[in-house]
Protein backbone atom coordinates (compact mmCIF):
# COMPACT_ATOMS: atom_id res chain seq x y z
CA UNK A 1 3.52 2.63 -1.24
CA UNK A 2 5.81 5.54 -0.42
CA UNK A 3 6.27 4.49 3.20
CA UNK A 4 6.81 0.86 2.23
CA UNK A 5 9.59 1.69 -0.24
CA UNK A 6 11.23 4.13 2.18
CA UNK A 7 11.42 1.29 4.72
CA UNK A 8 13.34 -0.94 2.29
CA UNK A 9 17.11 -1.32 2.58
CA UNK A 10 18.46 0.74 -0.32
CA UNK A 11 21.33 -1.73 -0.81
CA UNK A 12 19.11 -4.81 -0.42
CA UNK A 13 17.92 -7.23 -3.07
CA UNK A 14 14.30 -6.09 -2.79
CA UNK A 15 15.13 -2.47 -3.63
CA UNK A 16 17.41 -3.59 -6.47
CA UNK A 17 14.58 -5.73 -7.85
CA UNK A 18 12.31 -2.68 -7.69
CA UNK A 19 14.80 -0.71 -9.80
CA UNK A 20 15.14 -3.61 -12.24
CA UNK A 21 11.35 -3.96 -12.59
CA UNK A 22 10.93 -0.22 -13.22
CA UNK A 23 13.88 0.77 -15.46
CA UNK A 24 12.46 4.21 -16.35
CA UNK A 25 12.18 5.20 -12.68
CA UNK A 26 15.16 7.21 -11.44
CA UNK A 27 17.02 6.05 -8.34
CA UNK A 28 16.25 9.36 -6.61
CA UNK A 29 12.50 8.96 -7.17
CA UNK A 30 12.64 5.34 -6.05
CA UNK A 31 14.47 6.25 -2.83
CA UNK A 32 11.84 8.89 -2.04
CA UNK A 33 8.96 6.59 -2.91
CA UNK A 34 7.62 8.69 -5.79
CA UNK A 35 5.49 6.37 -7.92
CA UNK A 36 2.67 6.69 -10.40
CA UNK A 37 -0.16 4.19 -10.65
CA UNK A 38 1.29 2.15 -13.58
CA UNK A 39 4.49 1.61 -11.58
CA UNK A 40 2.51 0.30 -8.63
CA UNK A 41 0.62 -2.08 -10.92
CA UNK A 42 3.88 -3.42 -12.39
CA UNK A 43 5.27 -4.08 -8.92
CA UNK A 44 2.09 -5.81 -7.79
CA UNK A 45 2.28 -8.14 -10.79
CA UNK A 46 6.01 -8.83 -10.35
CA UNK A 47 6.35 -12.17 -8.53
CA UNK A 48 10.13 -11.82 -8.21
CA UNK A 49 9.64 -8.63 -6.20
CA UNK A 50 7.59 -10.52 -3.62
CA UNK A 51 10.01 -13.46 -3.66
CA UNK A 52 12.94 -11.31 -2.49
CA UNK A 53 11.08 -9.98 0.58
CA UNK A 54 11.47 -11.06 4.17
CA UNK A 55 8.43 -12.35 6.06
CA UNK A 56 7.69 -8.97 7.68
CA UNK A 57 8.00 -7.11 4.37
CA UNK A 58 5.85 -9.69 2.61
CA UNK A 59 3.10 -9.36 5.23
CA UNK A 60 3.14 -5.56 4.88
CA UNK A 61 3.11 -5.80 1.07
CA UNK A 62 0.23 -8.30 1.09
CA UNK A 63 -1.85 -6.15 3.43
CA UNK A 64 -1.10 -3.08 1.28
CA UNK A 65 -2.37 -4.92 -1.80
CA UNK A 66 -5.46 -6.09 0.07
CA UNK A 67 -6.38 -2.51 1.03
CA UNK A 68 -5.46 -0.77 -2.22
CA UNK A 69 -6.74 -3.28 -4.77
CA UNK A 70 -10.38 -3.91 -5.42
CA UNK A 71 -13.33 -1.86 -6.56
CA UNK A 72 -15.66 -2.59 -3.67
CA UNK A 73 -15.91 -1.94 0.04
CA UNK A 74 -14.98 -5.11 1.86
CA UNK A 75 -17.34 -6.16 4.65
CA UNK A 76 -14.44 -6.34 7.10
CA UNK A 77 -12.66 -3.20 5.86
CA UNK A 78 -11.83 -2.02 9.37
CA UNK A 79 -10.00 -5.26 10.12
CA UNK A 80 -8.14 -5.17 6.81
CA UNK A 81 -6.96 -1.59 7.37
CA UNK A 82 -6.02 -2.37 10.98
CA UNK A 83 -3.98 -5.34 9.77
CA UNK A 84 -2.19 -3.11 7.27
CA UNK A 85 -1.40 -0.57 10.00
CA UNK A 86 0.01 -3.27 12.27
CA UNK A 87 2.13 -4.78 9.49
CA UNK A 88 3.50 -1.38 8.48
CA UNK A 89 4.29 -0.62 12.12
CA UNK A 90 6.28 -3.89 12.35
CA UNK A 91 8.18 -2.75 9.27
CA UNK A 92 8.96 0.53 11.00
CA UNK A 93 6.96 2.93 8.87
CA UNK A 94 3.76 4.91 9.10
CA UNK A 95 1.11 5.45 6.49
CA UNK A 96 -1.38 8.13 5.59
CA UNK A 97 -4.95 6.93 5.95
CA UNK A 98 -7.02 9.85 4.70
CA UNK A 99 -9.23 7.83 2.38
CA UNK A 100 -9.24 4.68 4.47
CA UNK A 101 -10.17 6.63 7.59
CA UNK A 102 -13.24 8.03 5.85
CA UNK A 103 -14.20 4.62 4.47
CA UNK A 104 -13.98 3.05 7.91
CA UNK A 105 -16.42 5.53 9.40
CA UNK A 106 -19.12 5.28 6.75
CA UNK A 107 -21.26 3.16 9.05
CA UNK A 108 -21.75 6.19 11.33
CA UNK A 109 -23.60 8.09 8.58
CA UNK A 110 -27.22 7.37 7.65
CA UNK A 111 -27.77 5.43 4.43
CA UNK A 112 -29.78 8.32 2.94
CA UNK A 113 -27.24 11.01 3.73
CA UNK A 114 -26.84 12.08 0.10
CA UNK A 115 -30.53 11.71 -0.84
CA UNK A 116 -31.62 15.19 0.33
CA UNK A 117 -30.66 18.40 -1.42
CA UNK A 118 -31.43 22.04 -0.76
């Protein structure tokens, strides 16, 4: 989320819509991409925010939502994360994949890894 917002034009309609959708968020925090979970949820639900995006921004936003939302591990998680990385790269930003990196490599660990204890 932070990298996505930092890539937005600060004078553009998309950034202005972000400020309008989150009136309690200061401009300084918005420019730095400092968000809490409820703010992210509000933006995800805001259809006008998506409507003001260009095609490249919309693809990056959609892939971000696909990776972040959901309570289950998708069968094609590696492809979904790779798609998000590619879309963010097109947008000109990088993203931190600490959690997603670990999730993508779960297939290398045995299924009973946590079953044994000392």
